[in-house]
């Protein structure tokens, strides 16, 4: 989760696509260059260790855009694909 947040923050769309489950991955990702991500708060997690194949991350991500401050809340689902943790989907 933190690596995907970092990818959003630096605009690394290639990493975002690589770390997205093949079943739910979009053809492309376009990021708003006017959004500056400023902080990530992980609120809770389930699963996600070496013995699990699925997990969730509940988080708030804070940003600045057009002189305004905002936040995004999401409950994200992750699972293993070819041995790697990937983003499956989320509820905003």
PDB file of N, CA and C in Angstrom:
ATOM      1  N   UNK A   1       0.828  -1.191   0.000  1.00  0.00           N
ATOM      2  CA  UNK A   1       0.000   0.000   0.000  1.00  0.00           C
ATOM      3  C   UNK A   1       0.864   1.242   0.000  1.00  0.00           C
ATOM      4  N   UNK A   2       1.858   1.273   0.864  1.00  0.00           N
ATOM      5  CA  UNK A   2       2.706   2.468   0.939  1.00  0.00           C
ATOM      6  C   UNK A   2       3.451   2.691  -0.367  1.00  0.00           C
ATOM      7  N   UNK A   3       3.867   1.619  -1.016  1.00  0.00           N
ATOM      8  CA  UNK A   3       4.594   1.786  -2.283  1.00  0.00           C
ATOM      9  C   UNK A   3       3.670   2.339  -3.361  1.00  0.00           C
ATOM     10  N   UNK A   4       2.399   1.947  -3.362  1.00  0.00           N
ATOM     11  CA  UNK A   4       1.456   2.490  -4.346  1.00  0.00           C
ATOM     12  C   UNK A   4       1.178   3.964  -4.055  1.00  0.00           C
ATOM     13  N   UNK A   5       1.055   4.334  -2.780  1.00  0.00           N
ATOM     14  CA  UNK A   5       0.885   5.743  -2.426  1.00  0.00           C
ATOM     15  C   UNK A   5       2.089   6.548  -2.938  1.00  0.00           C
ATOM     16  N   UNK A   6       3.288   6.024  -2.697  1.00  0.00           N
ATOM     17  CA  UNK A   6       4.502   6.710  -3.167  1.00  0.00           C
ATOM     18  C   UNK A   6       4.492   6.855  -4.682  1.00  0.00           C
ATOM     19  N   UNK A   7       4.026   5.828  -5.383  1.00  0.00           N
ATOM     20  CA  UNK A   7       3.946   5.900  -6.851  1.00  0.00           C
ATOM     21  C   UNK A   7       2.976   6.988  -7.287  1.00  0.00           C
ATOM     22  N   UNK A   8       1.841   7.121  -6.598  1.00  0.00           N
ATOM     23  CA  UNK A   8       0.924   8.224  -6.903  1.00  0.00           C
ATOM     24  C   UNK A   8       1.622   9.560  -6.655  1.00  0.00           C
ATOM     25  N   UNK A   9       2.355   9.658  -5.544  1.00  0.00           N
ATOM     26  CA  UNK A   9       2.991  10.918  -5.160  1.00  0.00           C
ATOM     27  C   UNK A   9       4.050  11.366  -6.160  1.00  0.00           C
ATOM     28  N   UNK A  10       4.782  10.409  -6.748  1.00  0.00           N
ATOM     29  CA  UNK A  10       5.847  10.787  -7.694  1.00  0.00           C
ATOM     30  C   UNK A  10       5.427  10.613  -9.148  1.00  0.00           C
ATOM     31  N   UNK A  11       4.211  10.144  -9.387  1.00  0.00           N
ATOM     32  CA  UNK A  11       3.705  10.013 -10.752  1.00  0.00           C
ATOM     33  C   UNK A  11       4.205   8.796 -11.499  1.00  0.00           C
ATOM     34  N   UNK A  12       4.505   7.716 -10.787  1.00  0.00           N
ATOM     35  CA  UNK A  12       5.034   6.491 -11.394  1.00  0.00           C
ATOM     36  C   UNK A  12       3.881   5.592 -11.859  1.00  0.00           C
ATOM     37  N   UNK A  13       3.298   5.916 -13.008  1.00  0.00           N
ATOM     38  CA  UNK A  13       2.148   5.154 -13.507  1.00  0.00           C
ATOM     39  C   UNK A  13       2.535   3.728 -13.897  1.00  0.00           C
ATOM     40  N   UNK A  14       3.769   3.520 -14.341  1.00  0.00           N
ATOM     41  CA  UNK A  14       4.213   2.163 -14.700  1.00  0.00           C
ATOM     42  C   UNK A  14       4.151   1.249 -13.479  1.00  0.00           C
ATOM     43  N   UNK A  15       4.593   1.741 -12.324  1.00  0.00           N
ATOM     44  CA  UNK A  15       4.530   0.928 -11.101  1.00  0.00           C
ATOM     45  C   UNK A  15       3.080   0.676 -10.697  1.00  0.00           C
ATOM     46  N   UNK A  16       2.245   1.699 -10.810  1.00  0.00           N
ATOM     47  CA  UNK A  16       0.838   1.518 -10.452  1.00  0.00           C
ATOM     48  C   UNK A  16       0.215   0.403 -11.286  1.00  0.00           C
ATOM     49  N   UNK A  17       0.485   0.379 -12.566  1.00  0.00           N
ATOM     50  CA  UNK A  17      -0.059  -0.672 -13.427  1.00  0.00           C
ATOM     51  C   UNK A  17       0.525  -2.043 -13.079  1.00  0.00           C
ATOM     52  N   UNK A  18       1.830  -2.113 -12.817  1.00  0.00           N
ATOM     53  CA  UNK A  18       2.466  -3.388 -12.461  1.00  0.00           C
ATOM     54  C   UNK A  18       1.938  -3.951 -11.151  1.00  0.00           C
ATOM     55  N   UNK A  19       1.550  -3.069 -10.233  1.00  0.00           N
ATOM     56  CA  UNK A  19       1.111  -3.515  -8.911  1.00  0.00           C
ATOM     57  C   UNK A  19      -0.417  -3.625  -8.815  1.00  0.00           C
ATOM     58  N   UNK A  20      -1.086  -3.680  -9.959  1.00  0.00           N
ATOM     59  CA  UNK A  20      -2.546  -3.791 -10.042  1.00  0.00           C
ATOM     60  C   UNK A  20      -2.886  -5.184 -10.540  1.00  0.00           C
ATOM     61  N   UNK A  21      -3.850  -5.839  -9.950  1.00  0.00           N
ATOM     62  CA  UNK A  21      -4.235  -7.197 -10.346  1.00  0.00           C
ATOM     63  C   UNK A  21      -4.641  -7.229 -11.814  1.00  0.00           C
ATOM     64  N   UNK A  22      -4.222  -8.248 -12.518  1.00  0.00           N
ATOM     65  CA  UNK A  22      -4.489  -8.331 -13.964  1.00  0.00           C
ATOM     66  C   UNK A  22      -5.986  -8.363 -14.282  1.00  0.00           C
ATOM     67  N   UNK A  23      -6.792  -8.852 -13.365  1.00  0.00           N
ATOM     68  CA  UNK A  23      -8.241  -8.937 -13.593  1.00  0.00           C
ATOM     69  C   UNK A  23      -8.929  -7.576 -13.511  1.00  0.00           C
ATOM     70  N   UNK A  24      -8.365  -6.646 -12.733  1.00  0.00           N
ATOM     71  CA  UNK A  24      -9.024  -5.351 -12.523  1.00  0.00           C
ATOM     72  C   UNK A  24      -8.188  -4.170 -13.023  1.00  0.00           C
ATOM     73  N   UNK A  25      -7.018  -4.425 -13.579  1.00  0.00           N
ATOM     74  CA  UNK A  25      -6.105  -3.381 -14.043  1.00  0.00           C
ATOM     75  C   UNK A  25      -6.681  -2.649 -15.254  1.00  0.00           C
ATOM     76  N   UNK A  26      -6.683  -1.319 -15.221  1.00  0.00           N
ATOM     77  CA  UNK A  26      -7.118  -0.562 -16.402  1.00  0.00           C
ATOM     78  C   UNK A  26      -6.029  -0.603 -17.479  1.00  0.00           C
ATOM     79  N   UNK A  27      -6.386  -0.235 -18.678  1.00  0.00           N
ATOM     80  CA  UNK A  27      -5.414  -0.212 -19.776  1.00  0.00           C
ATOM     81  C   UNK A  27      -4.349   0.851 -19.545  1.00  0.00           C
ATOM     82  N   UNK A  28      -4.725   1.939 -18.901  1.00  0.00           N
ATOM     83  CA  UNK A  28      -3.769   3.015 -18.611  1.00  0.00           C
ATOM     84  C   UNK A  28      -4.217   3.761 -17.368  1.00  0.00           C
ATOM     85  N   UNK A  29      -3.292   4.502 -16.798  1.00  0.00           N
ATOM     86  CA  UNK A  29      -3.563   5.353 -15.636  1.00  0.00           C
ATOM     87  C   UNK A  29      -3.106   6.753 -15.991  1.00  0.00           C
ATOM     88  N   UNK A  30      -3.986   7.718 -15.834  1.00  0.00           N
ATOM     89  CA  UNK A  30      -3.568   9.106 -16.034  1.00  0.00           C
ATOM     90  C   UNK A  30      -3.777   9.839 -14.709  1.00  0.00           C
ATOM     91  N   UNK A  31      -2.739  10.493 -14.272  1.00  0.00           N
ATOM     92  CA  UNK A  31      -2.761  11.189 -12.992  1.00  0.00           C
ATOM     93  C   UNK A  31      -2.904  12.683 -13.208  1.00  0.00           C
ATOM     94  N   UNK A  32      -3.580  13.328 -12.299  1.00  0.00           N
ATOM     95  CA  UNK A  32      -3.729  14.782 -12.334  1.00  0.00           C
ATOM     96  C   UNK A  32      -2.461  15.404 -11.769  1.00  0.00           C
ATOM     97  N   UNK A  33      -1.681  16.050 -12.615  1.00  0.00           N
ATOM     98  CA  UNK A  33      -0.402  16.652 -12.188  1.00  0.00           C
ATOM     99  C   UNK A  33      -0.614  17.821 -11.232  1.00  0.00           C
ATOM    100  N   UNK A  34      -1.838  18.306 -11.120  1.00  0.00           N
ATOM    101  CA  UNK A  34      -2.134  19.395 -10.206  1.00  0.00           C
ATOM    102  C   UNK A  34      -2.390  18.938  -8.782  1.00  0.00           C
ATOM    103  N   UNK A  35      -2.414  17.627  -8.561  1.00  0.00           N
ATOM    104  CA  UNK A  35      -2.634  17.077  -7.221  1.00  0.00           C
ATOM    105  C   UNK A  35      -1.284  16.743  -6.602  1.00  0.00           C
ATOM    106  N   UNK A  36      -1.050  17.250  -5.402  1.00  0.00           N
ATOM    107  CA  UNK A  36       0.176  16.939  -4.660  1.00  0.00           C
ATOM    108  C   UNK A  36      -0.215  16.138  -3.424  1.00  0.00           C
ATOM    109  N   UNK A  37       0.179  14.869  -3.388  1.00  0.00           N
ATOM    110  CA  UNK A  37      -0.128  13.990  -2.248  1.00  0.00           C
ATOM    111  C   UNK A  37       0.814  14.335  -1.112  1.00  0.00           C
ATOM    112  N   UNK A  38       0.262  14.538   0.088  1.00  0.00           N
ATOM    113  CA  UNK A  38       1.063  15.057   1.193  1.00  0.00           C
ATOM    114  C   UNK A  38       1.208  14.122   2.379  1.00  0.00           C
ATOM    115  N   UNK A  39       0.292  13.166   2.552  1.00  0.00           N
ATOM    116  CA  UNK A  39       0.380  12.295   3.736  1.00  0.00           C
ATOM    117  C   UNK A  39      -0.502  11.074   3.550  1.00  0.00           C
ATOM    118  N   UNK A  40      -0.044   9.975   4.105  1.00  0.00           N
ATOM    119  CA  UNK A  40      -0.811   8.740   4.115  1.00  0.00           C
ATOM    120  C   UNK A  40      -0.962   8.269   5.543  1.00  0.00           C
ATOM    121  N   UNK A  41      -2.195   8.037   5.969  1.00  0.00           N
ATOM    122  CA  UNK A  41      -2.469   7.444   7.281  1.00  0.00           C
ATOM    123  C   UNK A  41      -3.110   6.085   7.060  1.00  0.00           C
ATOM    124  N   UNK A  42      -2.416   5.028   7.455  1.00  0.00           N
ATOM    125  CA  UNK A  42      -2.990   3.689   7.399  1.00  0.00           C
ATOM    126  C   UNK A  42      -3.785   3.509   8.689  1.00  0.00           C
ATOM    127  N   UNK A  43      -5.087   3.288   8.555  1.00  0.00           N
ATOM    128  CA  UNK A  43      -5.975   3.210   9.711  1.00  0.00           C
ATOM    129  C   UNK A  43      -6.097   1.793  10.250  1.00  0.00           C
ATOM    130  N   UNK A  44      -6.105   0.805   9.354  1.00  0.00           N
ATOM    131  CA  UNK A  44      -6.177  -0.586   9.791  1.00  0.00           C
ATOM    132  C   UNK A  44      -5.784  -1.501   8.640  1.00  0.00           C
ATOM    133  N   UNK A  45      -5.424  -2.722   8.998  1.00  0.00           N
ATOM    134  CA  UNK A  45      -5.091  -3.741   8.003  1.00  0.00           C
ATOM    135  C   UNK A  45      -5.639  -5.079   8.458  1.00  0.00           C
ATOM    136  N   UNK A  46      -5.892  -5.957   7.504  1.00  0.00           N
ATOM    137  CA  UNK A  46      -6.214  -7.348   7.805  1.00  0.00           C
ATOM    138  C   UNK A  46      -5.387  -8.202   6.858  1.00  0.00           C
ATOM    139  N   UNK A  47      -5.027  -9.398   7.312  1.00  0.00           N
ATOM    140  CA  UNK A  47      -4.231 -10.287   6.468  1.00  0.00           C
ATOM    141  C   UNK A  47      -2.926  -9.628   6.081  1.00  0.00           C
ATOM    142  N   UNK A  48      -2.394 -10.076   4.967  1.00  0.00           N
ATOM    143  CA  UNK A  48      -1.228  -9.410   4.420  1.00  0.00           C
ATOM    144  C   UNK A  48       0.118  -9.927   4.854  1.00  0.00           C
ATOM    145  N   UNK A  49       0.173 -10.944   5.704  1.00  0.00           N
ATOM    146  CA  UNK A  49       1.499 -11.443   6.064  1.00  0.00           C
ATOM    147  C   UNK A  49       1.877 -12.628   5.181  1.00  0.00           C
ATOM    148  N   UNK A  50       2.982 -13.255   5.473  1.00  0.00           N
ATOM    149  CA  UNK A  50       3.507 -14.343   4.631  1.00  0.00           C
ATOM    150  C   UNK A  50       2.550 -15.535   4.536  1.00  0.00           C
ATOM    151  N   UNK A  51       1.638 -15.682   5.488  1.00  0.00           N
ATOM    152  CA  UNK A  51       0.726 -16.819   5.509  1.00  0.00           C
ATOM    153  C   UNK A  51      -0.618 -16.531   4.850  1.00  0.00           C
ATOM    154  N   UNK A  52      -0.828 -15.305   4.403  1.00  0.00           N
ATOM    155  CA  UNK A  52      -2.107 -14.924   3.807  1.00  0.00           C
ATOM    156  C   UNK A  52      -1.981 -14.766   2.291  1.00  0.00           C
ATOM    157  N   UNK A  53      -3.103 -14.923   1.618  1.00  0.00           N
ATOM    158  CA  UNK A  53      -3.141 -14.665   0.178  1.00  0.00           C
ATOM    159  C   UNK A  53      -4.001 -13.453  -0.151  1.00  0.00           C
ATOM    160  N   UNK A  54      -4.687 -12.918   0.870  1.00  0.00           N
ATOM    161  CA  UNK A  54      -5.527 -11.734   0.706  1.00  0.00           C
ATOM    162  C   UNK A  54      -5.361 -10.823   1.906  1.00  0.00           C
ATOM    163  N   UNK A  55      -5.682  -9.556   1.717  1.00  0.00           N
ATOM    164  CA  UNK A  55      -5.623  -8.614   2.811  1.00  0.00           C
ATOM    165  C   UNK A  55      -6.337  -7.326   2.445  1.00  0.00           C
ATOM    166  N   UNK A  56      -6.562  -6.509   3.448  1.00  0.00           N
ATOM    167  CA  UNK A  56      -7.182  -5.201   3.232  1.00  0.00           C
ATOM    168  C   UNK A  56      -6.342  -4.128   3.908  1.00  0.00           C
ATOM    169  N   UNK A  57      -6.457  -2.920   3.388  1.00  0.00           N
ATOM    170  CA  UNK A  57      -5.832  -1.744   3.998  1.00  0.00           C
ATOM    171  C   UNK A  57      -6.871  -0.633   3.990  1.00  0.00           C
ATOM    172  N   UNK A  58      -7.156  -0.110   5.161  1.00  0.00           N
ATOM    173  CA  UNK A  58      -8.045   1.042   5.300  1.00  0.00           C
ATOM    174  C   UNK A  58      -7.141   2.261   5.502  1.00  0.00           C
ATOM    175  N   UNK A  59      -7.327   3.287   4.686  1.00  0.00           N
ATOM    176  CA  UNK A  59      -6.414   4.426   4.762  1.00  0.00           C
ATOM    177  C   UNK A  59      -7.102   5.738   4.438  1.00  0.00           C
ATOM    178  N   UNK A  60      -6.399   6.815   4.803  1.00  0.00           N
ATOM    179  CA  UNK A  60      -6.728   8.174   4.373  1.00  0.00           C
ATOM    180  C   UNK A  60      -5.470   8.745   3.736  1.00  0.00           C
ATOM    181  N   UNK A  61      -5.620   9.282   2.552  1.00  0.00           N
ATOM    182  CA  UNK A  61      -4.516   9.937   1.851  1.00  0.00           C
ATOM    183  C   UNK A  61      -4.879  11.412   1.699  1.00  0.00           C
ATOM    184  N   UNK A  62      -3.969  12.265   2.058  1.00  0.00           N
ATOM    185  CA  UNK A  62      -4.210  13.707   2.052  1.00  0.00           C
ATOM    186  C   UNK A  62      -3.498  14.346   0.869  1.00  0.00           C
ATOM    187  N   UNK A  63      -4.123  15.393   0.309  1.00  0.00           N
ATOM    188  CA  UNK A  63      -3.554  16.038  -0.873  1.00  0.00           C
ATOM    189  C   UNK A  63      -3.866  17.529  -0.890  1.00  0.00           C
ATOM    190  N   UNK A  64      -3.131  18.226  -1.776  1.00  0.00           N
ATOM    191  CA  UNK A  64      -3.394  19.632  -2.087  1.00  0.00           C
ATOM    192  C   UNK A  64      -3.640  19.707  -3.585  1.00  0.00           C
ATOM    193  N   UNK A  65      -4.634  20.494  -3.953  1.00  0.00           N
ATOM    194  CA  UNK A  65      -4.944  20.691  -5.377  1.00  0.00           C
ATOM    195  C   UNK A  65      -5.614  22.041  -5.548  1.00  0.00           C
ATOM    196  N   UNK A  66      -5.085  22.849  -6.427  1.00  0.00           N
ATOM    197  CA  UNK A  66      -5.693  24.145  -6.707  1.00  0.00           C
ATOM    198  C   UNK A  66      -5.857  25.025  -5.492  1.00  0.00           C
ATOM    199  N   UNK A  67      -4.904  24.959  -4.564  1.00  0.00           N
ATOM    200  CA  UNK A  67      -4.977  25.773  -3.360  1.00  0.00           C
ATOM    201  C   UNK A  67      -5.884  25.213  -2.277  1.00  0.00           C
ATOM    202  N   UNK A  68      -6.468  24.067  -2.506  1.00  0.00           N
ATOM    203  CA  UNK A  68      -7.361  23.443  -1.528  1.00  0.00           C
ATOM    204  C   UNK A  68      -6.705  22.193  -0.954  1.00  0.00           C
ATOM    205  N   UNK A  69      -7.096  21.858   0.257  1.00  0.00           N
ATOM    206  CA  UNK A  69      -6.635  20.642   0.919  1.00  0.00           C
ATOM    207  C   UNK A  69      -7.776  19.638   0.888  1.00  0.00           C
ATOM    208  N   UNK A  70      -7.456  18.388   0.624  1.00  0.00           N
ATOM    209  CA  UNK A  70      -8.488  17.357   0.599  1.00  0.00           C
ATOM    210  C   UNK A  70      -7.946  16.034   1.095  1.00  0.00           C
ATOM    211  N   UNK A  71      -8.820  15.064   1.151  1.00  0.00           N
ATOM    212  CA  UNK A  71      -8.411  13.728   1.555  1.00  0.00           C
ATOM    213  C   UNK A  71      -9.230  12.688   0.813  1.00  0.00           C
ATOM    214  N   UNK A  72      -8.638  11.518   0.669  1.00  0.00           N
ATOM    215  CA  UNK A  72      -9.340  10.383   0.077  1.00  0.00           C
ATOM    216  C   UNK A  72      -9.316   9.255   1.092  1.00  0.00           C
ATOM    217  N   UNK A  73     -10.493   8.718   1.380  1.00  0.00           N
ATOM    218  CA  UNK A  73     -10.617   7.555   2.261  1.00  0.00           C
ATOM    219  C   UNK A  73     -10.891   6.346   1.377  1.00  0.00           C
ATOM    220  N   UNK A  74     -10.258   5.220   1.688  1.00  0.00           N
ATOM    221  CA  UNK A  74     -10.521   4.003   0.918  1.00  0.00           C
ATOM    222  C   UNK A  74     -10.266   2.774   1.772  1.00  0.00           C
ATOM    223  N   UNK A  75     -11.037   1.742   1.503  1.00  0.00           N
ATOM    224  CA  UNK A  75     -10.772   0.400   2.020  1.00  0.00           C
ATOM    225  C   UNK A  75     -10.357  -0.417   0.808  1.00  0.00           C
ATOM    226  N   UNK A  76      -9.061  -0.713   0.709  1.00  0.00           N
ATOM    227  CA  UNK A  76      -8.499  -1.388  -0.455  1.00  0.00           C
ATOM    228  C   UNK A  76      -8.339  -2.881  -0.186  1.00  0.00           C
ATOM    229  N   UNK A  77      -8.560  -3.665  -1.240  1.00  0.00           N
ATOM    230  CA  UNK A  77      -8.318  -5.107  -1.154  1.00  0.00           C
ATOM    231  C   UNK A  77      -7.084  -5.450  -1.983  1.00  0.00           C
ATOM    232  N   UNK A  78      -6.229  -6.266  -1.405  1.00  0.00           N
ATOM    233  CA  UNK A  78      -5.014  -6.740  -2.055  1.00  0.00           C
ATOM    234  C   UNK A  78      -5.018  -8.265  -2.046  1.00  0.00           C
ATOM    235  N   UNK A  79      -4.337  -8.845  -3.007  1.00  0.00           N
ATOM    236  CA  UNK A  79      -4.171 -10.299  -3.026  1.00  0.00           C
ATOM    237  C   UNK A  79      -2.853 -10.615  -3.723  1.00  0.00           C
ATOM    238  N   UNK A  80      -2.468 -11.859  -3.610  1.00  0.00           N
ATOM    239  CA  UNK A  80      -1.230 -12.281  -4.271  1.00  0.00           C
ATOM    240  C   UNK A  80      -1.537 -12.715  -5.699  1.00  0.00           C
ATOM    241  N   UNK A  81      -0.676 -12.297  -6.601  1.00  0.00           N
ATOM    242  CA  UNK A  81      -0.747 -12.734  -7.989  1.00  0.00           C
ATOM    243  C   UNK A  81       0.690 -13.057  -8.403  1.00  0.00           C
ATOM    244  N   UNK A  82       0.913 -14.295  -8.789  1.00  0.00           N
ATOM    245  CA  UNK A  82       2.266 -14.755  -9.123  1.00  0.00           C
ATOM    246  C   UNK A  82       3.237 -14.471  -7.983  1.00  0.00           C
ATOM    247  N   UNK A  83       2.762 -14.631  -6.754  1.00  0.00           N
ATOM    248  CA  UNK A  83       3.607 -14.473  -5.573  1.00  0.00           C
ATOM    249  C   UNK A  83       3.760 -13.058  -5.057  1.00  0.00           C
ATOM    250  N   UNK A  84       3.317 -12.067  -5.806  1.00  0.00           N
ATOM    251  CA  UNK A  84       3.470 -10.663  -5.403  1.00  0.00           C
ATOM    252  C   UNK A  84       2.134 -10.089  -4.929  1.00  0.00           C
ATOM    253  N   UNK A  85       2.199  -9.182  -3.938  1.00  0.00           N
ATOM    254  CA  UNK A  85       1.000  -8.491  -3.498  1.00  0.00           C
ATOM    255  C   UNK A  85       0.612  -7.454  -4.544  1.00  0.00           C
ATOM    256  N   UNK A  86      -0.664  -7.463  -4.932  1.00  0.00           N
ATOM    257  CA  UNK A  86      -1.166  -6.498  -5.914  1.00  0.00           C
ATOM    258  C   UNK A  86      -2.515  -5.948  -5.445  1.00  0.00           C
ATOM    259  N   UNK A  87      -2.802  -4.756  -5.905  1.00  0.00           N
ATOM    260  CA  UNK A  87      -4.066  -4.083  -5.610  1.00  0.00           C
ATOM    261  C   UNK A  87      -5.175  -4.737  -6.428  1.00  0.00           C
ATOM    262  N   UNK A  88      -6.241  -5.163  -5.760  1.00  0.00           N
ATOM    263  CA  UNK A  88      -7.374  -5.766  -6.445  1.00  0.00           C
ATOM    264  C   UNK A  88      -8.456  -4.725  -6.734  1.00  0.00           C
ATOM    265  N   UNK A  89      -8.961  -4.087  -5.672  1.00  0.00           N
ATOM    266  CA  UNK A  89      -9.979  -3.046  -5.822  1.00  0.00           C
ATOM    267  C   UNK A  89     -10.154  -2.338  -4.481  1.00  0.00           C
ATOM    268  N   UNK A  90     -11.040  -1.361  -4.465  1.00  0.00           N
ATOM    269  CA  UNK A  90     -11.270  -0.631  -3.235  1.00  0.00           C
ATOM    270  C   UNK A  90     -12.627   0.036  -3.212  1.00  0.00           C
ATOM    271  N   UNK A  91     -13.053   0.334  -2.004  1.00  0.00           N
ATOM    272  CA  UNK A  91     -14.297   1.058  -1.786  1.00  0.00           C
ATOM    273  C   UNK A  91     -13.950   2.430  -1.251  1.00  0.00           C
ATOM    274  N   UNK A  92     -14.354   3.465  -1.986  1.00  0.00           N
ATOM    275  CA  UNK A  92     -14.057   4.848  -1.605  1.00  0.00           C
ATOM    276  C   UNK A  92     -15.132   5.351  -0.681  1.00  0.00           C
TER     277      UNK A  92
END
